[in-house]
Amino acid sequence: MGQTIAEKIFSQKAGRPVAAGEIVVIPVDVVMAQDTKTPIALDVLQRSQLPVRIDRKRISFVIDHRVPSTSELHSNYHAAMRRVAEQEDIPLVDAGSGTGHIVVPEMGRVLPGHVAVGTDSHATTYGALNALGIAIGSTELVSLLATGKLWFKVPQSMQVTLAGRLQAGVFSKDLILHVVGLFGEAGANYHCVEFAGEALSHMSMDARFTISNQSTDMGAKAAIMEADAVTREWLEGRSSELWEPVSPDADATYTRRLGIDASSLEPVVSAPHRVDNVIPVTQALGTRINQAAVSTCTNGRLEDLQIVAGILKGKQVAKGVRFFVAAGSREIHRQAMRQGILETLFEAGVMILAPGCAPCSTGLRQAILGDGEVTIQASNRNFRGRMGSKNASIYLASPATVAASALKGYIADPREHF
């Protein structure tokens, strides 16, 4: 019987053929350990007097969520991560360097065929590089640090085939929100979702990362794509390691196959208060907004900032709208400076934040909403109370829809700019 991509990667790591449903104990290739889960794991290690045994080349400590630190507690957490990183010779991505899901791949750490884990739910991002990106918690991180291995249940797989090509003004964010709406928030629970088809060949790596990233919001354990020329070009200069692409067998078994004509899609938004509450943007037109944001591991990439700058160039953000933008990494921020993007945004009235997670949730203490306020943002979640007041509303949309709306002061259709 043929194998899916997930089954093939787990088989390679286990050293034997495995199938969905089996339990394997394997070493992982990449560990992204950020500042919301890592301090807890370090405390357990210290109290248990467990030594760190993991290969230091496989792990990165990342301070990206509470940046700048929002409390004495988090400052102490950061200090502990810096101290252990120095003592144990673990690479540290310090505050202001960006979000781990963007920075670690930029460093060339994630390659096709890898099992890459991260202490954040959007570790599915790494699947855009033909790797299994899987989220873990503090307990799993303790096991990895102490043993270098972790157990996994090999997930079943679904396949989403994307035909055609996205129309002007429609982006990968619209596509993945559409898919989340079709599946529902738990429709892909403990599945690896394989994305394939012609539409992907027309998408940049930035666009592909958005699709894999947001897939966790329909319950996906992992979300993976095959490697192609776009993947190879993106990895060139980032890593000198040899890698081989992993593809599914023609007779692989899937629990569900879904075909989508990308050329038929239109701009959408996720309306409050669920990511899967997806509607066409035309049904939300005219909804007044107080705030807008483009940032995070989902849409803080260079292509996203280029789209926003293209819409805002020579214009002004509407009166009464607070518009925040943050690059997902220091490298993206640097490129945005060199290309004049940040100047364009600044002149349009945008508030530019430090590279990192930025406005994403209340815990980050940035761009908090008051009672009755409405925001539209190119981030990943819109749960009630996530951005402050439980009486506020969050709409999720593509960077283009966010920028078009920020200009009007209400939710707008971005297609008029393309």
Protein backbone atom coordinates (compact mmCIF):
# COMPACT_ATOMS: atom_id res chain seq x y z
CA MET A 1 0.00 0.00 0.00
CA GLY A 2 1.24 3.48 -0.88
CA GLN A 3 2.27 6.08 1.68
CA THR A 4 1.37 9.71 2.28
CA ILE A 5 4.08 12.32 2.82
CA ALA A 6 3.62 12.11 6.60
CA GLU A 7 3.94 8.33 6.58
CA LYS A 8 7.09 8.54 4.45
CA ILE A 9 8.81 11.09 6.69
CA PHE A 10 7.97 9.20 9.88
CA SER A 11 9.15 5.97 8.24
CA GLN A 12 12.49 7.59 7.41
CA LYS A 13 12.92 8.78 10.99
CA ALA A 14 11.80 5.49 12.54
CA GLY A 15 13.99 3.40 10.25
CA ARG A 16 11.08 1.18 9.26
CA PRO A 17 7.83 1.44 7.29
CA VAL A 18 5.04 2.94 9.42
CA ALA A 19 1.40 3.71 8.76
CA ALA A 20 -1.17 6.13 10.15
CA GLY A 21 -2.14 5.28 13.71
CA GLU A 22 1.21 3.80 14.74
CA ILE A 23 3.26 5.23 17.61
CA VAL A 24 6.89 6.08 16.92
CA VAL A 25 9.68 7.40 19.14
CA ILE A 26 12.11 9.38 17.02
CA PRO A 27 14.69 12.18 17.13
CA VAL A 28 13.49 15.46 15.66
CA ASP A 29 15.44 17.64 13.26
CA VAL A 30 14.38 21.09 14.44
CA VAL A 31 13.10 22.50 17.75
CA MET A 32 11.80 26.06 17.93
CA ALA A 33 11.38 26.85 21.65
CA GLN A 34 9.80 30.23 22.32
CA ASP A 35 9.21 32.32 25.42
CA THR A 36 5.69 31.24 26.42
CA LYS A 37 6.49 27.54 26.91
CA THR A 38 10.27 27.30 27.28
CA PRO A 39 10.61 28.92 30.74
CA ILE A 40 8.22 26.33 32.18
CA ALA A 41 10.23 23.50 30.63
CA LEU A 42 13.51 24.94 31.94
CA ASP A 43 12.04 25.16 35.43
CA VAL A 44 11.01 21.49 35.32
CA LEU A 45 14.46 20.47 34.08
CA GLN A 46 16.13 22.40 36.88
CA ARG A 47 13.88 21.05 39.63
CA SER A 48 14.22 17.50 38.29
CA GLN A 49 17.99 17.91 37.90
CA LEU A 50 17.79 16.61 34.33
CA PRO A 51 20.73 17.42 32.05
CA VAL A 52 20.23 18.83 28.56
CA ARG A 53 21.09 16.04 26.12
CA ILE A 54 19.67 17.28 22.84
CA ASP A 55 22.03 18.11 19.96
CA ARG A 56 22.46 21.90 20.22
CA LYS A 57 22.43 22.24 16.43
CA ARG A 58 18.82 21.14 16.38
CA ILE A 59 17.35 23.67 18.80
CA SER A 60 16.79 27.43 18.90
CA PHE A 61 15.52 29.44 21.85
CA VAL A 62 13.31 32.25 20.55
CA ILE A 63 12.08 35.31 22.43
CA ASP A 64 9.27 36.63 20.25
CA HIS A 65 5.94 36.78 22.09
CA ARG A 66 6.44 39.21 24.96
CA VAL A 67 8.50 41.75 23.02
CA PRO A 68 9.14 44.21 24.50
CA SER A 69 8.64 42.49 27.84
CA THR A 70 5.29 43.41 29.38
CA SER A 71 6.06 42.52 32.99
CA GLU A 72 8.76 41.72 35.53
CA LEU A 73 7.68 38.07 35.33
CA HIS A 74 8.32 37.88 31.60
CA SER A 75 11.59 39.76 31.91
CA ASN A 76 12.70 37.10 34.37
CA TYR A 77 11.56 34.38 31.96
CA HIS A 78 13.63 35.96 29.20
CA ALA A 79 16.62 36.23 31.49
CA ALA A 80 16.36 32.52 32.30
CA MET A 81 16.28 31.62 28.60
CA ARG A 82 19.32 33.80 27.90
CA ARG A 83 21.20 32.29 30.84
CA VAL A 84 20.51 28.66 29.86
CA ALA A 85 21.24 29.40 26.20
CA GLU A 86 24.68 30.70 27.16
CA GLN A 87 25.40 27.90 29.63
CA GLU A 88 24.31 25.13 27.26
CA ASP A 89 25.56 26.72 24.03
CA ILE A 90 22.05 26.82 22.56
CA PRO A 91 21.44 29.30 19.72
CA LEU A 92 19.29 32.23 20.92
CA VAL A 93 17.01 34.34 18.74
CA ASP A 94 16.66 37.31 21.07
CA ALA A 95 13.91 39.89 21.44
CA GLY A 96 13.43 42.07 18.38
CA SER A 97 14.72 39.46 15.93
CA GLY A 98 11.26 38.40 14.85
CA THR A 99 8.81 35.55 15.28
CA GLY A 100 10.28 32.06 15.49
CA HIS A 101 8.12 30.58 12.76
CA ILE A 102 9.69 33.04 10.32
CA VAL A 103 13.23 33.38 11.69
CA VAL A 104 14.07 29.68 12.13
CA PRO A 105 13.25 28.82 8.48
CA GLU A 106 15.16 31.95 7.39
CA MET A 107 18.19 30.54 9.20
CA GLY A 108 18.04 27.48 6.94
CA ARG A 109 17.18 25.16 9.82
CA VAL A 110 14.05 23.62 8.24
CA LEU A 111 14.50 21.42 5.17
CA PRO A 112 12.32 19.02 3.16
CA GLY A 113 11.88 15.71 4.95
CA HIS A 114 12.48 17.19 8.39
CA VAL A 115 10.37 16.72 11.47
CA ALA A 116 10.31 20.26 12.87
CA VAL A 117 8.53 21.02 16.13
CA GLY A 118 7.74 24.33 17.79
CA THR A 119 6.28 25.34 21.14
CA ASP A 120 3.50 27.26 19.44
CA SER A 121 0.36 26.08 17.67
CA HIS A 122 1.35 27.57 14.31
CA ALA A 123 4.38 25.31 13.89
CA THR A 124 2.44 23.89 10.95
CA THR A 125 4.12 26.76 9.05
CA TYR A 126 7.15 24.57 8.30
CA GLY A 127 5.07 22.33 6.06
CA ALA A 128 5.45 24.85 3.24
CA LEU A 129 9.06 23.62 3.05
CA ASN A 130 8.01 19.97 2.61
CA ALA A 131 8.70 19.31 6.31
CA LEU A 132 6.39 18.02 9.02
CA GLY A 133 5.79 21.05 11.23
CA ILE A 134 4.18 19.97 14.50
CA ALA A 135 3.28 21.96 17.60
CA ILE A 136 4.35 20.76 21.05
CA GLY A 137 3.89 21.95 24.63
CA SER A 138 6.13 22.43 27.64
CA THR A 139 5.98 18.76 28.68
CA GLU A 140 7.12 17.58 25.26
CA LEU A 141 9.89 20.16 25.27
CA VAL A 142 11.18 18.79 28.57
CA SER A 143 11.37 15.32 27.01
CA LEU A 144 13.19 16.64 23.95
CA LEU A 145 15.73 18.62 25.95
CA ALA A 146 16.42 15.69 28.25
CA THR A 147 16.44 12.85 25.69
CA GLY A 148 16.59 14.33 22.19
CA LYS A 149 13.59 12.21 21.20
CA LEU A 150 9.81 12.42 21.26
CA TRP A 151 6.87 10.10 20.62
CA PHE A 152 4.35 10.76 17.88
CA LYS A 153 1.22 9.08 16.65
CA VAL A 154 1.52 8.97 12.86
CA PRO A 155 -1.41 11.09 11.65
CA GLN A 156 -3.92 10.20 8.99
CA SER A 157 -3.82 12.48 5.96
CA MET A 158 -6.22 14.54 3.89
CA GLN A 159 -5.45 15.98 0.47
CA VAL A 160 -6.48 19.42 -0.81
CA THR A 161 -5.84 19.93 -4.51
CA LEU A 162 -5.79 23.53 -5.69
CA ALA A 163 -6.55 24.01 -9.38
CA GLY A 164 -6.32 27.20 -11.45
CA ARG A 165 -4.80 30.46 -10.29
CA LEU A 166 -5.85 33.15 -7.84
CA GLN A 167 -7.39 36.24 -9.43
CA ALA A 168 -6.00 39.75 -8.92
CA GLY A 169 -6.89 41.02 -5.45
CA VAL A 170 -7.29 37.48 -4.06
CA PHE A 171 -4.44 36.03 -2.02
CA SER A 172 -3.32 32.88 -0.25
CA LYS A 173 -4.83 34.24 2.97
CA ASP A 174 -8.23 34.26 1.29
CA LEU A 175 -7.64 30.73 0.05
CA ILE A 176 -6.70 29.26 3.41
CA LEU A 177 -9.53 31.06 5.22
CA HIS A 178 -11.87 29.60 2.59
CA VAL A 179 -10.48 26.12 3.30
CA VAL A 180 -10.79 26.61 7.08
CA GLY A 181 -14.40 27.65 6.52
CA LEU A 182 -15.07 24.46 4.56
CA PHE A 183 -13.43 22.15 7.10
CA GLY A 184 -14.51 23.92 10.28
CA GLU A 185 -12.31 24.50 13.30
CA ALA A 186 -11.95 20.76 14.04
CA GLY A 187 -12.40 19.29 10.57
CA ALA A 188 -8.76 18.24 10.21
CA ASN A 189 -8.11 17.17 13.80
CA TYR A 190 -4.96 15.03 14.10
CA HIS A 191 -4.55 14.93 10.34
CA CYS A 192 -1.73 15.98 8.09
CA VAL A 193 -3.24 18.08 5.31
CA GLU A 194 -1.38 17.73 2.02
CA PHE A 195 -1.77 20.73 -0.30
CA ALA A 196 -1.14 20.08 -3.98
CA GLY A 197 -2.14 21.30 -7.43
CA GLU A 198 -1.45 23.85 -10.12
CA ALA A 199 -2.36 26.89 -8.03
CA LEU A 200 0.59 26.31 -5.70
CA SER A 201 3.05 26.54 -8.59
CA HIS A 202 1.97 30.16 -9.07
CA MET A 203 2.53 31.05 -5.40
CA SER A 204 5.66 32.39 -3.73
CA MET A 205 7.09 30.81 -0.59
CA ASP A 206 5.67 33.73 1.39
CA ALA A 207 2.19 32.87 0.15
CA ARG A 208 2.70 29.16 0.84
CA PHE A 209 3.85 29.80 4.41
CA THR A 210 0.55 31.57 5.09
CA ILE A 211 -1.42 28.51 3.96
CA SER A 212 0.53 26.03 6.09
CA ASN A 213 0.53 28.41 9.06
CA GLN A 214 -3.23 29.00 9.17
CA SER A 215 -4.03 25.29 8.69
CA THR A 216 -3.72 24.68 12.41
CA ASP A 217 -6.95 26.65 12.79
CA MET A 218 -8.92 23.77 11.30
CA GLY A 219 -7.25 21.33 13.68
CA ALA A 220 -4.45 20.12 11.40
CA LYS A 221 -1.59 18.31 13.12
CA ALA A 222 0.58 19.26 10.14
CA ALA A 223 0.07 20.91 6.75
CA ILE A 224 2.55 20.01 4.08
CA MET A 225 3.36 20.74 0.44
CA GLU A 226 5.67 19.03 -2.02
CA ALA A 227 9.03 20.66 -2.74
CA ASP A 228 9.52 22.22 -6.18
CA ALA A 229 11.65 24.83 -7.94
CA VAL A 230 10.19 27.59 -5.76
CA THR A 231 11.18 25.67 -2.63
CA ARG A 232 14.68 25.02 -3.94
CA GLU A 233 15.22 28.66 -4.90
CA TRP A 234 14.08 29.86 -1.47
CA LEU A 235 16.45 27.45 0.30
CA GLU A 236 19.48 28.34 -1.84
CA GLY A 237 21.94 30.35 0.20
CA ARG A 238 20.16 29.49 3.45
CA SER A 239 21.49 25.96 3.91
CA SER A 240 24.31 23.91 2.45
CA GLU A 241 22.82 20.62 3.67
CA LEU A 242 21.69 18.11 1.09
CA TRP A 243 18.01 17.28 1.02
CA GLU A 244 15.59 15.16 -0.95
CA PRO A 245 11.96 16.10 -1.66
CA VAL A 246 9.29 13.84 -0.22
CA SER A 247 6.21 13.09 -2.34
CA PRO A 248 3.18 10.88 -1.73
CA ASP A 249 2.67 7.62 -3.56
CA ALA A 250 -0.02 7.54 -6.23
CA ASP A 251 -1.96 4.96 -4.22
CA ALA A 252 -1.60 6.65 -0.83
CA THR A 253 -4.66 6.52 1.44
CA TYR A 254 -6.48 9.71 2.44
CA THR A 255 -9.49 10.09 4.70
CA ARG A 256 -10.73 12.96 2.54
CA ARG A 257 -9.86 14.50 -0.80
CA LEU A 258 -10.99 18.04 -1.59
CA GLY A 259 -10.63 19.89 -4.87
CA ILE A 260 -10.78 23.70 -5.05
CA ASP A 261 -10.72 25.93 -8.12
CA ALA A 262 -8.54 28.80 -6.93
CA SER A 263 -9.62 30.97 -9.86
CA SER A 264 -13.20 30.98 -8.54
CA LEU A 265 -12.29 32.39 -5.12
CA GLU A 266 -12.99 35.93 -3.96
CA PRO A 267 -11.71 37.97 -1.01
CA VAL A 268 -13.11 36.75 2.30
CA VAL A 269 -13.03 37.64 5.97
CA SER A 270 -13.33 35.56 9.12
CA ALA A 271 -16.04 37.31 11.07
CA PRO A 272 -16.15 37.35 14.88
CA HIS A 273 -15.62 35.26 16.88
CA ARG A 274 -14.38 32.10 15.09
CA VAL A 275 -11.75 31.58 12.44
CA ASP A 276 -14.09 29.25 10.55
CA ASN A 277 -16.84 31.90 10.43
CA VAL A 278 -15.78 32.76 6.89
CA ILE A 279 -17.87 35.00 4.64
CA PRO A 280 -17.22 36.88 1.37
CA VAL A 281 -15.85 40.35 2.01
CA THR A 282 -18.87 41.69 0.10
CA GLN A 283 -21.06 40.61 3.03
CA ALA A 284 -19.05 42.70 5.47
CA LEU A 285 -18.59 45.86 3.39
CA GLY A 286 -19.13 49.07 5.32
CA THR A 287 -18.41 47.63 8.77
CA ARG A 288 -16.71 50.46 10.67
CA ILE A 289 -13.26 49.74 12.07
CA ASN A 290 -11.16 51.36 14.75
CA GLN A 291 -7.98 49.43 14.15
CA ALA A 292 -6.08 47.48 11.51
CA ALA A 293 -2.94 45.37 11.66
CA VAL A 294 -0.65 43.38 9.38
CA SER A 295 1.91 41.30 11.24
CA THR A 296 2.55 37.98 12.99
CA CYS A 297 3.87 34.61 11.82
CA THR A 298 0.92 34.39 9.43
CA ASN A 299 1.27 37.58 7.41
CA GLY A 300 4.37 39.47 8.53
CA ARG A 301 6.41 38.54 5.46
CA LEU A 302 7.98 40.82 2.87
CA GLU A 303 5.36 40.07 0.21
CA ASP A 304 2.64 41.05 2.69
CA LEU A 305 4.31 44.39 3.41
CA GLN A 306 4.82 45.01 -0.31
CA ILE A 307 1.10 44.50 -0.91
CA VAL A 308 0.18 46.92 1.86
CA ALA A 309 2.65 49.56 0.67
CA GLY A 310 1.35 49.26 -2.89
CA ILE A 311 -2.17 50.07 -1.73
CA LEU A 312 -1.20 52.86 0.69
CA LYS A 313 1.40 54.63 -1.45
CA GLY A 314 0.52 58.34 -1.71
CA LYS A 315 -2.58 57.91 0.47
CA GLN A 316 -3.52 58.33 4.12
CA VAL A 317 -5.02 55.95 6.65
CA ALA A 318 -8.58 57.03 7.46
CA LYS A 319 -9.08 59.36 10.38
CA GLY A 320 -9.82 57.47 13.56
CA VAL A 321 -8.13 54.24 12.41
CA ARG A 322 -5.03 52.94 14.16
CA PHE A 323 -2.99 50.89 11.68
CA PHE A 324 -0.14 48.76 13.01
CA VAL A 325 2.43 46.91 10.90
CA ALA A 326 5.28 44.70 12.08
CA ALA A 327 7.73 42.72 9.98
CA GLY A 328 7.98 39.08 10.93
CA SER A 329 11.77 39.23 11.22
CA ARG A 330 14.67 41.64 11.38
CA GLU A 331 15.71 40.53 7.89
CA ILE A 332 12.27 41.35 6.49
CA HIS A 333 12.34 44.69 8.30
CA ARG A 334 15.74 45.43 6.74
CA GLN A 335 14.52 44.57 3.24
CA ALA A 336 11.41 46.69 3.78
CA MET A 337 13.64 49.63 4.69
CA ARG A 338 15.83 49.17 1.63
CA GLN A 339 12.82 48.96 -0.68
CA GLY A 340 11.25 52.11 0.78
CA ILE A 341 8.28 50.17 2.11
CA LEU A 342 8.59 51.40 5.69
CA GLU A 343 8.83 55.01 4.54
CA THR A 344 5.69 54.57 2.44
CA LEU A 345 3.85 53.10 5.42
CA PHE A 346 5.11 55.79 7.77
CA GLU A 347 4.02 58.57 5.42
CA ALA A 348 0.58 56.98 5.17
CA GLY A 349 0.14 57.14 8.94
CA VAL A 350 0.98 53.57 9.85
CA MET A 351 2.52 52.81 13.25
CA ILE A 352 5.51 50.52 12.68
CA LEU A 353 6.32 48.06 15.46
CA ALA A 354 9.40 45.99 16.24
CA PRO A 355 9.82 42.66 14.42
CA GLY A 356 8.01 39.91 16.27
CA CYS A 357 4.56 38.61 17.08
CA ALA A 358 3.22 42.16 17.62
CA PRO A 359 -0.60 42.58 17.72
CA CYS A 360 -1.81 39.00 17.92
CA SER A 361 -3.28 38.40 21.35
CA THR A 362 -3.98 40.10 24.67
CA GLY A 363 -0.95 38.42 26.23
CA LEU A 364 1.36 40.48 24.03
CA ARG A 365 -0.11 43.70 25.42
CA GLN A 366 0.07 45.57 22.12
CA ALA A 367 -2.78 47.28 20.26
CA ILE A 368 -5.37 46.26 22.85
CA LEU A 369 -8.99 46.88 21.89
CA GLY A 370 -11.52 48.68 24.10
CA ASP A 371 -15.21 47.92 24.55
CA GLY A 372 -17.14 47.91 21.29
CA GLU A 373 -14.10 48.46 19.09
CA VAL A 374 -13.53 46.63 15.81
CA THR A 375 -10.27 45.58 14.22
CA ILE A 376 -9.44 43.95 10.91
CA GLN A 377 -6.10 42.24 10.75
CA ALA A 378 -3.95 39.83 8.80
CA SER A 379 -3.24 37.59 11.77
CA ASN A 380 -4.42 34.12 12.69
CA ARG A 381 -7.19 34.17 15.30
CA ASN A 382 -10.24 36.21 16.18
CA PHE A 383 -11.50 34.62 19.39
CA ARG A 384 -13.55 36.77 21.75
CA GLY A 385 -11.23 38.68 24.09
CA ARG A 386 -8.05 37.75 22.18
CA MET A 387 -7.17 41.40 21.55
CA GLY A 388 -8.45 42.90 24.77
CA SER A 389 -12.10 43.59 25.56
CA LYS A 390 -14.51 40.67 25.27
CA ASN A 391 -16.91 43.20 23.80
CA ALA A 392 -14.58 43.96 20.89
CA SER A 393 -14.73 42.34 17.45
CA ILE A 394 -11.89 40.93 15.33
CA TYR A 395 -12.11 40.32 11.59
CA LEU A 396 -9.37 38.34 9.85
CA ALA A 397 -8.46 39.10 6.26
CA SER A 398 -5.64 39.30 3.73
CA PRO A 399 -3.10 42.15 3.98
CA ALA A 400 -4.73 43.67 0.89
CA THR A 401 -8.19 43.70 2.47
CA VAL A 402 -6.75 45.12 5.69
CA ALA A 403 -4.96 47.94 3.85
CA ALA A 404 -7.99 48.75 1.68
CA SER A 405 -10.17 48.89 4.79
CA ALA A 406 -7.70 51.08 6.70
CA LEU A 407 -7.91 53.63 3.90
CA LYS A 408 -11.71 53.75 4.00
CA GLY A 409 -12.29 53.44 7.73
CA TYR A 410 -14.58 50.49 7.13
CA ILE A 411 -14.24 47.00 5.66
CA ALA A 412 -13.63 47.35 1.93
CA ASP A 413 -13.09 45.17 -1.12
CA PRO A 414 -9.38 45.18 -2.07
CA ARG A 415 -10.03 44.35 -5.74
CA GLU A 416 -10.52 48.02 -6.59
CA HIS A 417 -6.74 48.43 -6.06
CA PHE A 418 -5.74 45.72 -8.54
